[in-house]
């Protein structure tokens, strides 16, 4: 059995991976997350996941298998990053209000002689949100470090009218697809 390393400092990804009973170590990687000119959102999340996985593999002296992931929110083909201010968060949430958007996560595994990646897309429809509610949500502190300015697993659960696809993908790691990718690399779920 291979050692698995999660190349992410995200507490949400750590919790999700533990949820499927996988034994792993965690390491933090630092890469440039800028969007390249004319880069499609699907290509963006796949590239970042692959770069995180490869960086984690280098950090860990090319030992084990490294899982990298990146999640973004996309509306009208535009990537919504993490808000820098209350006004930016409110603007993002108003773009999502009463509409369907996509949450895309790239997942990638890198190991000795092994590399595989995938992009998972979930469609999320928000209820209508008024500006005052968006401002109150910002005051909770929850949207500060979240793509698209919201966390479905927290207070923003009340914003969601409908979801089509993987819920865990919206949280930050699509579990069914991750388990399948891990299995192909010889890493089994439910180890604990």
Protein backbone atom coordinates (compact mmCIF):
# COMPACT_ATOMS: atom_id res chain seq x y z
CA UNK A 1 0.00 0.00 0.00
CA UNK A 2 1.28 3.47 -0.92
CA UNK A 3 1.61 6.37 1.47
CA UNK A 4 -0.77 9.17 0.57
CA UNK A 5 0.04 12.84 1.01
CA UNK A 6 -2.58 15.56 0.73
CA UNK A 7 -0.95 18.65 -0.77
CA UNK A 8 -3.33 21.09 0.88
CA UNK A 9 -3.64 22.99 4.14
CA UNK A 10 -7.44 23.07 3.76
CA UNK A 11 -9.22 21.79 6.87
CA UNK A 12 -12.24 20.96 4.69
CA UNK A 13 -10.23 18.71 2.37
CA UNK A 14 -8.60 17.07 5.38
CA UNK A 15 -12.02 16.30 6.90
CA UNK A 16 -13.44 15.04 3.60
CA UNK A 17 -10.52 12.71 2.92
CA UNK A 18 -10.70 11.37 6.47
CA UNK A 19 -14.43 10.80 5.96
CA UNK A 20 -13.69 8.04 3.44
CA UNK A 21 -11.24 6.34 5.78
CA UNK A 22 -8.02 7.10 3.96
CA UNK A 23 -4.79 7.30 5.96
CA UNK A 24 -2.71 10.26 4.80
CA UNK A 25 -0.20 12.92 5.74
CA UNK A 26 -0.78 16.56 4.97
CA UNK A 27 1.64 19.11 3.55
CA UNK A 28 1.13 22.68 2.46
CA UNK A 29 2.28 23.84 -0.97
CA UNK A 30 2.60 27.34 -2.33
CA UNK A 31 1.99 27.86 -6.04
CA UNK A 32 0.98 30.81 -8.19
CA UNK A 33 -2.80 30.57 -8.60
CA UNK A 34 -3.11 33.27 -11.25
CA UNK A 35 -5.39 32.52 -14.18
CA UNK A 36 -3.48 32.35 -17.47
CA UNK A 37 -4.65 34.46 -20.44
CA UNK A 38 -7.62 32.81 -22.21
CA UNK A 39 -7.54 29.86 -19.78
CA UNK A 40 -10.85 28.02 -19.49
CA UNK A 41 -12.09 27.37 -15.93
CA UNK A 42 -11.86 23.57 -16.37
CA UNK A 43 -8.26 23.87 -17.56
CA UNK A 44 -7.47 26.27 -14.71
CA UNK A 45 -8.60 23.95 -11.88
CA UNK A 46 -6.95 20.91 -13.51
CA UNK A 47 -3.65 22.80 -13.96
CA UNK A 48 -3.63 24.02 -10.35
CA UNK A 49 -4.48 20.56 -9.00
CA UNK A 50 -1.64 19.05 -11.06
CA UNK A 51 0.80 21.77 -9.98
CA UNK A 52 -0.12 21.29 -6.30
CA UNK A 53 0.25 17.53 -6.60
CA UNK A 54 3.62 17.83 -8.36
CA UNK A 55 4.87 20.40 -5.82
CA UNK A 56 3.85 18.13 -2.94
CA UNK A 57 5.65 15.23 -4.61
CA UNK A 58 8.87 17.30 -4.81
CA UNK A 59 8.54 18.48 -1.19
CA UNK A 60 8.16 14.91 0.03
CA UNK A 61 11.32 13.70 -1.72
CA UNK A 62 9.28 11.94 -4.39
CA UNK A 63 7.86 9.48 -1.88
CA UNK A 64 4.33 8.08 -1.91
CA UNK A 65 1.41 9.39 -3.92
CA UNK A 66 0.38 13.04 -3.63
CA UNK A 67 -3.18 14.31 -4.01
CA UNK A 68 -3.65 17.91 -5.12
CA UNK A 69 -6.98 19.69 -5.55
CA UNK A 70 -8.32 23.08 -6.49
CA UNK A 71 -11.90 24.32 -6.39
CA UNK A 72 -13.40 27.38 -8.04
CA UNK A 73 -16.82 28.90 -8.61
CA UNK A 74 -17.76 29.82 -12.18
CA UNK A 75 -20.65 31.99 -13.37
CA UNK A 76 -21.14 32.92 -17.02
CA UNK A 77 -17.75 31.37 -17.77
CA UNK A 78 -16.01 33.73 -15.31
CA UNK A 79 -13.94 32.38 -12.40
CA UNK A 80 -14.88 33.86 -9.03
CA UNK A 81 -11.93 33.72 -6.66
CA UNK A 82 -11.81 34.48 -2.95
CA UNK A 83 -13.19 37.90 -2.02
CA UNK A 84 -10.75 40.52 -0.74
CA UNK A 85 -13.37 42.76 0.87
CA UNK A 86 -16.98 42.94 1.99
CA UNK A 87 -17.94 44.85 -1.15
CA UNK A 88 -16.32 42.23 -3.37
CA UNK A 89 -18.03 39.38 -1.48
CA UNK A 90 -21.42 41.08 -1.77
CA UNK A 91 -20.84 41.66 -5.49
CA UNK A 92 -19.99 37.96 -5.97
CA UNK A 93 -23.03 36.78 -4.03
CA UNK A 94 -25.26 39.13 -6.02
CA UNK A 95 -23.86 37.62 -9.24
CA UNK A 96 -24.92 34.19 -7.93
CA UNK A 97 -28.28 35.33 -6.54
CA UNK A 98 -31.27 33.59 -8.14
CA UNK A 99 -29.04 31.85 -10.67
CA UNK A 100 -27.27 28.58 -11.39
CA UNK A 101 -23.48 28.51 -11.29
CA UNK A 102 -20.84 25.79 -11.53
CA UNK A 103 -18.42 24.63 -8.88
CA UNK A 104 -15.40 22.98 -10.47
CA UNK A 105 -12.77 20.96 -8.68
CA UNK A 106 -9.64 19.62 -10.26
CA UNK A 107 -8.14 16.59 -8.54
CA UNK A 108 -4.71 15.18 -9.39
CA UNK A 109 -2.48 12.36 -8.18
CA UNK A 110 1.27 12.23 -8.70
CA UNK A 111 3.56 9.33 -7.75
CA UNK A 112 6.65 7.57 -9.03
CA UNK A 113 5.71 6.87 -12.64
CA UNK A 114 2.08 7.76 -11.94
CA UNK A 115 0.01 10.82 -12.83
CA UNK A 116 -3.73 11.15 -13.23
CA UNK A 117 -6.20 14.01 -13.02
CA UNK A 118 -9.88 14.79 -13.38
CA UNK A 119 -12.27 17.74 -13.21
CA UNK A 120 -15.65 17.41 -11.47
CA UNK A 121 -18.46 19.93 -12.07
CA UNK A 122 -21.49 20.51 -9.83
CA UNK A 123 -24.34 22.87 -10.69
CA UNK A 124 -25.61 24.97 -7.77
CA UNK A 125 -28.70 27.18 -7.90
CA UNK A 126 -29.00 29.98 -5.36
CA UNK A 127 -32.22 31.48 -4.08
CA UNK A 128 -32.64 35.23 -4.47
CA UNK A 129 -30.34 37.01 -2.00
CA UNK A 130 -30.81 40.60 -0.90
CA UNK A 131 -27.81 42.83 -0.30
CA UNK A 132 -28.48 43.13 3.46
CA UNK A 133 -28.35 39.32 3.84
CA UNK A 134 -25.08 39.21 1.86
CA UNK A 135 -23.58 41.86 4.15
CA UNK A 136 -24.71 39.95 7.26
CA UNK A 137 -23.12 36.82 5.81
CA UNK A 138 -19.81 38.65 5.34
CA UNK A 139 -19.91 39.64 9.03
CA UNK A 140 -19.84 35.93 10.00
CA UNK A 141 -16.29 35.73 8.62
CA UNK A 142 -17.15 32.58 6.68
CA UNK A 143 -16.81 33.86 3.08
CA UNK A 144 -13.30 35.34 3.50
CA UNK A 145 -11.32 32.28 2.35
CA UNK A 146 -13.86 30.65 0.04
CA UNK A 147 -14.01 30.64 -3.75
CA UNK A 148 -17.12 32.48 -4.86
CA UNK A 149 -17.45 33.99 -1.41
CA UNK A 150 -19.46 31.20 0.21
CA UNK A 151 -19.17 27.87 2.02
CA UNK A 152 -22.04 25.46 1.36
CA UNK A 153 -21.18 23.44 4.47
CA UNK A 154 -21.72 26.47 6.71
CA UNK A 155 -24.13 29.37 7.02
CA UNK A 156 -24.48 29.67 3.23
CA UNK A 157 -26.37 26.36 3.11
CA UNK A 158 -29.53 28.50 3.33
CA UNK A 159 -28.66 30.17 0.01
CA UNK A 160 -28.94 26.92 -1.96
CA UNK A 161 -32.20 26.17 -3.72
CA UNK A 162 -30.93 23.22 -5.74
CA UNK A 163 -27.76 21.22 -6.32
CA UNK A 164 -27.03 18.89 -9.23
CA UNK A 165 -23.98 16.72 -8.77
CA UNK A 166 -21.53 16.08 -5.96
CA UNK A 167 -22.15 17.95 -2.71
CA UNK A 168 -18.63 17.14 -1.45
CA UNK A 169 -17.28 18.72 -4.64
CA UNK A 170 -18.82 22.04 -3.59
CA UNK A 171 -17.21 21.68 -0.16
CA UNK A 172 -13.81 21.16 -1.83
CA UNK A 173 -13.16 17.50 -2.70
CA UNK A 174 -15.46 15.26 -4.77
CA UNK A 175 -15.33 12.06 -2.73
CA UNK A 176 -16.66 9.46 -5.19
CA UNK A 177 -14.29 10.62 -7.91
CA UNK A 178 -11.37 10.97 -5.50
CA UNK A 179 -11.93 7.43 -4.18
CA UNK A 180 -11.92 6.12 -7.76
CA UNK A 181 -8.69 7.97 -8.59
CA UNK A 182 -7.06 6.69 -5.39
CA UNK A 183 -8.13 3.12 -6.16
CA UNK A 184 -6.46 3.30 -9.58
CA UNK A 185 -3.25 4.32 -7.77
CA UNK A 186 -3.51 1.38 -5.35
CA UNK A 187 -4.83 3.35 -2.37
CA UNK A 188 -7.93 1.89 -0.80
CA UNK A 189 -10.67 3.68 1.09
CA UNK A 190 -11.96 2.61 4.53
CA UNK A 191 -8.47 1.87 5.84
CA UNK A 192 -9.43 2.88 9.36
